[in-house]
Amino acid sequence: MIFSERTLSLLALIAIGLSVLAIVFTILGAGGRRRPKQAEGPIQVGDALRDVLEAQAARIERLEKAARALNARDNKQQVLIEGGVRRVALLRYDAFEDVGGRLSFSCALLDEHGSGVVLTSINGRQETRVYAKSVEEGASTHNLSVEETEAIRRALADAAEPVEAR
């Protein structure tokens, strides 16, 4: 969960208000009962209330600090998640007319922003060649084949959109 500074402050004020309300109810509830006097003398209500409020304020401050630390960690993890490979598309095809089996392929491996790499393997009768081209935001500075462009397009397409095999 991500809380803004304003939300955290509001939560702190609500917690303090509830603490004060609980103290008031405790004092009013104890007012009807008679307690035996202690040897060291009566406790001043103002001092007791101040001590309780200071303790609650310290607890709330620790909670706010912990919430801020969790928020910062969550933001760092979100950046890492967005930078990971999340969009993948594989396109198989016959690169040459005399070689069948659709053993050639282009595979786009992209992050959430459309950056990553497109790998292409061209399978022939005598040899296989593999190419890797960088992709930034769905485009490349290298010349892309029709198949590589299609693999990138499919990787960037919505997951809900059905993709037909070629």
C-alpha atoms as a PDB file:
ATOM      1  CA  MET A   1       0.000   0.000   0.000  1.00  0.00           C
ATOM      2  CA  ILE A   2       1.217   3.502  -0.748  1.00  0.00           C
ATOM      3  CA  PHE A   3       0.128   6.327   1.548  1.00  0.00           C
ATOM      4  CA  SER A   4       0.783   9.989   0.883  1.00  0.00           C
ATOM      5  CA  GLU A   5       2.204  12.292   3.534  1.00  0.00           C
ATOM      6  CA  ARG A   6      -1.249  13.818   3.999  1.00  0.00           C
ATOM      7  CA  THR A   7      -2.863  10.399   4.556  1.00  0.00           C
ATOM      8  CA  LEU A   8      -0.184   9.397   7.059  1.00  0.00           C
ATOM      9  CA  SER A   9      -0.691  12.639   8.976  1.00  0.00           C
ATOM     10  CA  LEU A  10      -4.450  12.110   9.009  1.00  0.00           C
ATOM     11  CA  LEU A  11      -3.991   8.553  10.329  1.00  0.00           C
ATOM     12  CA  ALA A  12      -1.694   9.879  13.053  1.00  0.00           C
ATOM     13  CA  LEU A  13      -4.234  12.505  14.125  1.00  0.00           C
ATOM     14  CA  ILE A  14      -7.020   9.919  14.225  1.00  0.00           C
ATOM     15  CA  ALA A  15      -4.857   7.623  16.366  1.00  0.00           C
ATOM     16  CA  ILE A  16      -4.075  10.462  18.778  1.00  0.00           C
ATOM     17  CA  GLY A  17      -7.755  11.402  18.965  1.00  0.00           C
ATOM     18  CA  LEU A  18      -8.762   7.820  19.738  1.00  0.00           C
ATOM     19  CA  SER A  19      -6.059   7.609  22.395  1.00  0.00           C
ATOM     20  CA  VAL A  20      -7.272  10.789  24.071  1.00  0.00           C
ATOM     21  CA  LEU A  21     -10.862   9.524  23.954  1.00  0.00           C
ATOM     22  CA  ALA A  22      -9.821   6.226  25.564  1.00  0.00           C
ATOM     23  CA  ILE A  23      -7.987   8.075  28.319  1.00  0.00           C
ATOM     24  CA  VAL A  24     -10.982  10.290  29.020  1.00  0.00           C
ATOM     25  CA  PHE A  25     -13.274   7.249  29.280  1.00  0.00           C
ATOM     26  CA  THR A  26     -10.771   5.544  31.579  1.00  0.00           C
ATOM     27  CA  ILE A  27     -10.580   8.584  33.854  1.00  0.00           C
ATOM     28  CA  LEU A  28     -14.370   9.033  33.922  1.00  0.00           C
ATOM     29  CA  GLY A  29     -14.897   5.316  34.592  1.00  0.00           C
ATOM     30  CA  ALA A  30     -12.419   5.360  37.475  1.00  0.00           C
ATOM     31  CA  GLY A  31     -13.971   8.503  38.962  1.00  0.00           C
ATOM     32  CA  GLY A  32     -16.923   6.596  40.474  1.00  0.00           C
ATOM     33  CA  ARG A  33     -14.682   4.113  42.297  1.00  0.00           C
ATOM     34  CA  ARG A  34     -12.690   4.984  45.349  1.00  0.00           C
ATOM     35  CA  ARG A  35      -9.092   3.912  45.276  1.00  0.00           C
ATOM     36  CA  PRO A  36      -6.953   3.686  48.340  1.00  0.00           C
ATOM     37  CA  LYS A  37      -4.378   6.442  48.463  1.00  0.00           C
ATOM     38  CA  GLN A  38      -0.872   5.428  47.643  1.00  0.00           C
ATOM     39  CA  ALA A  39       2.033   6.164  49.907  1.00  0.00           C
ATOM     40  CA  GLU A  40       3.836   8.477  47.493  1.00  0.00           C
ATOM     41  CA  GLY A  41       0.854  10.782  47.078  1.00  0.00           C
ATOM     42  CA  PRO A  42      -1.864  11.359  44.521  1.00  0.00           C
ATOM     43  CA  ILE A  43      -0.999  11.300  40.818  1.00  0.00           C
ATOM     44  CA  GLN A  44      -1.827  14.474  38.974  1.00  0.00           C
ATOM     45  CA  VAL A  45      -4.238  13.818  36.082  1.00  0.00           C
ATOM     46  CA  GLY A  46      -2.419  16.327  33.883  1.00  0.00           C
ATOM     47  CA  ASP A  47       0.921  14.558  34.356  1.00  0.00           C
ATOM     48  CA  ALA A  48      -0.579  11.132  33.649  1.00  0.00           C
ATOM     49  CA  LEU A  49      -2.351  12.391  30.556  1.00  0.00           C
ATOM     50  CA  ARG A  50       0.806  14.078  29.297  1.00  0.00           C
ATOM     51  CA  ASP A  51       2.844  10.876  29.778  1.00  0.00           C
ATOM     52  CA  VAL A  52       0.264   8.782  27.928  1.00  0.00           C
ATOM     53  CA  LEU A  53       0.033  11.270  25.069  1.00  0.00           C
ATOM     54  CA  GLU A  54       3.812  11.459  24.748  1.00  0.00           C
ATOM     55  CA  ALA A  55       4.033   7.673  24.629  1.00  0.00           C
ATOM     56  CA  GLN A  56       1.296   7.533  21.967  1.00  0.00           C
ATOM     57  CA  ALA A  57       3.004  10.263  19.950  1.00  0.00           C
ATOM     58  CA  ALA A  58       6.267   8.276  20.029  1.00  0.00           C
ATOM     59  CA  ARG A  59       4.445   5.132  18.854  1.00  0.00           C
ATOM     60  CA  ILE A  60       2.733   7.030  16.044  1.00  0.00           C
ATOM     61  CA  GLU A  61       6.047   8.537  14.961  1.00  0.00           C
ATOM     62  CA  ARG A  62       7.584   5.040  14.782  1.00  0.00           C
ATOM     63  CA  LEU A  63       4.603   3.831  12.728  1.00  0.00           C
ATOM     64  CA  GLU A  64       4.896   6.771  10.324  1.00  0.00           C
ATOM     65  CA  LYS A  65       8.616   6.081   9.891  1.00  0.00           C
ATOM     66  CA  ALA A  66       7.908   2.403   9.180  1.00  0.00           C
ATOM     67  CA  ALA A  67       5.151   3.322   6.682  1.00  0.00           C
ATOM     68  CA  ARG A  68       7.510   5.696   4.852  1.00  0.00           C
ATOM     69  CA  ALA A  69      10.203   2.989   4.683  1.00  0.00           C
ATOM     70  CA  LEU A  70       7.690   0.496   3.267  1.00  0.00           C
ATOM     71  CA  ASN A  71       6.521   3.072   0.728  1.00  0.00           C
ATOM     72  CA  ALA A  72      10.096   3.700  -0.433  1.00  0.00           C
ATOM     73  CA  ARG A  73      10.760  -0.045  -0.736  1.00  0.00           C
ATOM     74  CA  ASP A  74       7.512  -0.511  -2.682  1.00  0.00           C
ATOM     75  CA  ASN A  75       8.506   2.248  -5.120  1.00  0.00           C
ATOM     76  CA  LYS A  76      11.926   0.620  -5.700  1.00  0.00           C
ATOM     77  CA  GLN A  77      10.335  -2.765  -6.316  1.00  0.00           C
ATOM     78  CA  GLN A  78       7.831  -1.252  -8.758  1.00  0.00           C
ATOM     79  CA  VAL A  79      10.711   0.178 -10.822  1.00  0.00           C
ATOM     80  CA  LEU A  80      12.421  -3.232 -10.835  1.00  0.00           C
ATOM     81  CA  ILE A  81       9.211  -4.991 -11.884  1.00  0.00           C
ATOM     82  CA  GLU A  82       8.605  -2.576 -14.756  1.00  0.00           C
ATOM     83  CA  GLY A  83      12.197  -3.118 -15.954  1.00  0.00           C
ATOM     84  CA  GLY A  84      11.856  -6.911 -16.138  1.00  0.00           C
ATOM     85  CA  VAL A  85      10.907  -8.851 -19.262  1.00  0.00           C
ATOM     86  CA  ARG A  86       7.101  -8.861 -19.253  1.00  0.00           C
ATOM     87  CA  ARG A  87       6.130  -8.806 -22.914  1.00  0.00           C
ATOM     88  CA  VAL A  88       7.194 -11.778 -25.017  1.00  0.00           C
ATOM     89  CA  ALA A  89       6.189 -12.840 -28.523  1.00  0.00           C
ATOM     90  CA  LEU A  90       7.534 -15.649 -30.689  1.00  0.00           C
ATOM     91  CA  LEU A  91       6.973 -15.754 -34.440  1.00  0.00           C
ATOM     92  CA  ARG A  92       7.984 -18.922 -36.342  1.00  0.00           C
ATOM     93  CA  TYR A  93       8.328 -18.988 -40.120  1.00  0.00           C
ATOM     94  CA  ASP A  94      10.133 -20.483 -43.096  1.00  0.00           C
ATOM     95  CA  ALA A  95      12.933 -18.105 -44.049  1.00  0.00           C
ATOM     96  CA  PHE A  96      13.672 -19.906 -47.337  1.00  0.00           C
ATOM     97  CA  GLU A  97      11.338 -21.615 -49.784  1.00  0.00           C
ATOM     98  CA  ASP A  98      13.403 -24.800 -49.984  1.00  0.00           C
ATOM     99  CA  VAL A  99      13.576 -25.259 -46.156  1.00  0.00           C
ATOM    100  CA  GLY A 100      10.363 -26.237 -44.363  1.00  0.00           C
ATOM    101  CA  GLY A 101       9.265 -26.911 -40.807  1.00  0.00           C
ATOM    102  CA  ARG A 102       9.087 -23.288 -39.725  1.00  0.00           C
ATOM    103  CA  LEU A 103      12.430 -23.569 -37.906  1.00  0.00           C
ATOM    104  CA  SER A 104      13.327 -19.892 -38.286  1.00  0.00           C
ATOM    105  CA  PHE A 105      11.970 -17.530 -35.652  1.00  0.00           C
ATOM    106  CA  SER A 106      11.911 -13.987 -34.299  1.00  0.00           C
ATOM    107  CA  CYS A 107      11.371 -13.529 -30.571  1.00  0.00           C
ATOM    108  CA  ALA A 108      10.729 -10.148 -28.919  1.00  0.00           C
ATOM    109  CA  LEU A 109      11.630  -9.875 -25.191  1.00  0.00           C
ATOM    110  CA  LEU A 110      10.466  -6.488 -23.915  1.00  0.00           C
ATOM    111  CA  ASP A 111       9.836  -4.733 -20.603  1.00  0.00           C
ATOM    112  CA  GLU A 112       6.722  -2.774 -19.643  1.00  0.00           C
ATOM    113  CA  HIS A 113       7.954   0.253 -21.632  1.00  0.00           C
ATOM    114  CA  GLY A 114       8.607  -1.686 -24.850  1.00  0.00           C
ATOM    115  CA  SER A 115      12.379  -1.794 -24.442  1.00  0.00           C
ATOM    116  CA  GLY A 116      14.502  -4.924 -24.683  1.00  0.00           C
ATOM    117  CA  VAL A 117      15.736  -7.147 -27.496  1.00  0.00           C
ATOM    118  CA  VAL A 118      14.453  -9.008 -30.527  1.00  0.00           C
ATOM    119  CA  LEU A 119      16.253 -12.278 -31.325  1.00  0.00           C
ATOM    120  CA  THR A 120      16.084 -13.796 -34.783  1.00  0.00           C
ATOM    121  CA  SER A 121      17.296 -17.191 -35.913  1.00  0.00           C
ATOM    122  CA  ILE A 122      17.447 -17.856 -39.653  1.00  0.00           C
ATOM    123  CA  ASN A 123      17.595 -21.573 -40.364  1.00  0.00           C
ATOM    124  CA  GLY A 124      18.968 -22.704 -43.745  1.00  0.00           C
ATOM    125  CA  ARG A 125      20.003 -26.071 -45.186  1.00  0.00           C
ATOM    126  CA  GLN A 126      23.698 -25.673 -44.338  1.00  0.00           C
ATOM    127  CA  GLU A 127      23.777 -23.192 -41.455  1.00  0.00           C
ATOM    128  CA  THR A 128      21.776 -21.257 -38.903  1.00  0.00           C
ATOM    129  CA  ARG A 129      22.415 -17.606 -38.136  1.00  0.00           C
ATOM    130  CA  VAL A 130      21.269 -15.772 -35.026  1.00  0.00           C
ATOM    131  CA  TYR A 131      20.809 -12.011 -34.737  1.00  0.00           C
ATOM    132  CA  ALA A 132      20.040  -9.838 -31.702  1.00  0.00           C
ATOM    133  CA  LYS A 133      18.818  -6.274 -32.096  1.00  0.00           C
ATOM    134  CA  SER A 134      18.105  -3.803 -29.315  1.00  0.00           C
ATOM    135  CA  VAL A 135      14.647  -2.269 -28.999  1.00  0.00           C
ATOM    136  CA  GLU A 136      13.827   1.011 -27.246  1.00  0.00           C
ATOM    137  CA  GLU A 137      10.167   1.935 -26.707  1.00  0.00           C
ATOM    138  CA  GLY A 138       9.016  -0.396 -29.492  1.00  0.00           C
ATOM    139  CA  ALA A 139      11.538   0.777 -32.112  1.00  0.00           C
ATOM    140  CA  SER A 140      15.110  -0.124 -33.054  1.00  0.00           C
ATOM    141  CA  THR A 141      18.026   1.780 -34.527  1.00  0.00           C
ATOM    142  CA  HIS A 142      18.828  -1.378 -36.553  1.00  0.00           C
ATOM    143  CA  ASN A 143      16.972  -2.314 -39.706  1.00  0.00           C
ATOM    144  CA  LEU A 144      14.226  -4.748 -38.757  1.00  0.00           C
ATOM    145  CA  SER A 145      12.784  -7.499 -40.904  1.00  0.00           C
ATOM    146  CA  VAL A 146       9.034  -7.859 -41.375  1.00  0.00           C
ATOM    147  CA  GLU A 147       9.065 -10.809 -38.950  1.00  0.00           C
ATOM    148  CA  GLU A 148      11.000  -8.889 -36.287  1.00  0.00           C
ATOM    149  CA  THR A 149       8.611  -5.947 -36.581  1.00  0.00           C
ATOM    150  CA  GLU A 150       5.659  -8.326 -36.244  1.00  0.00           C
ATOM    151  CA  ALA A 151       7.171  -9.996 -33.159  1.00  0.00           C
ATOM    152  CA  ILE A 152       7.601  -6.593 -31.507  1.00  0.00           C
ATOM    153  CA  ARG A 153       4.035  -5.617 -32.425  1.00  0.00           C
ATOM    154  CA  ARG A 154       2.668  -8.833 -30.919  1.00  0.00           C
ATOM    155  CA  ALA A 155       4.690  -8.405 -27.746  1.00  0.00           C
ATOM    156  CA  LEU A 156       3.322  -4.890 -27.289  1.00  0.00           C
ATOM    157  CA  ALA A 157      -0.273  -5.891 -28.097  1.00  0.00           C
ATOM    158  CA  ASP A 158      -2.755  -6.221 -25.228  1.00  0.00           C
ATOM    159  CA  ALA A 159      -2.895  -9.666 -23.639  1.00  0.00           C
ATOM    160  CA  ALA A 160      -6.660  -9.697 -24.222  1.00  0.00           C
ATOM    161  CA  GLU A 161      -6.198  -9.288 -27.976  1.00  0.00           C
ATOM    162  CA  PRO A 162      -6.030 -12.733 -29.647  1.00  0.00           C
ATOM    163  CA  VAL A 163      -2.954 -13.248 -31.798  1.00  0.00           C
ATOM    164  CA  GLU A 164      -3.301 -15.603 -34.761  1.00  0.00           C
ATOM    165  CA  ALA A 165      -0.449 -17.914 -35.656  1.00  0.00           C
ATOM    166  CA  ARG A 166       1.192 -17.124 -38.941  1.00  0.00           C
END
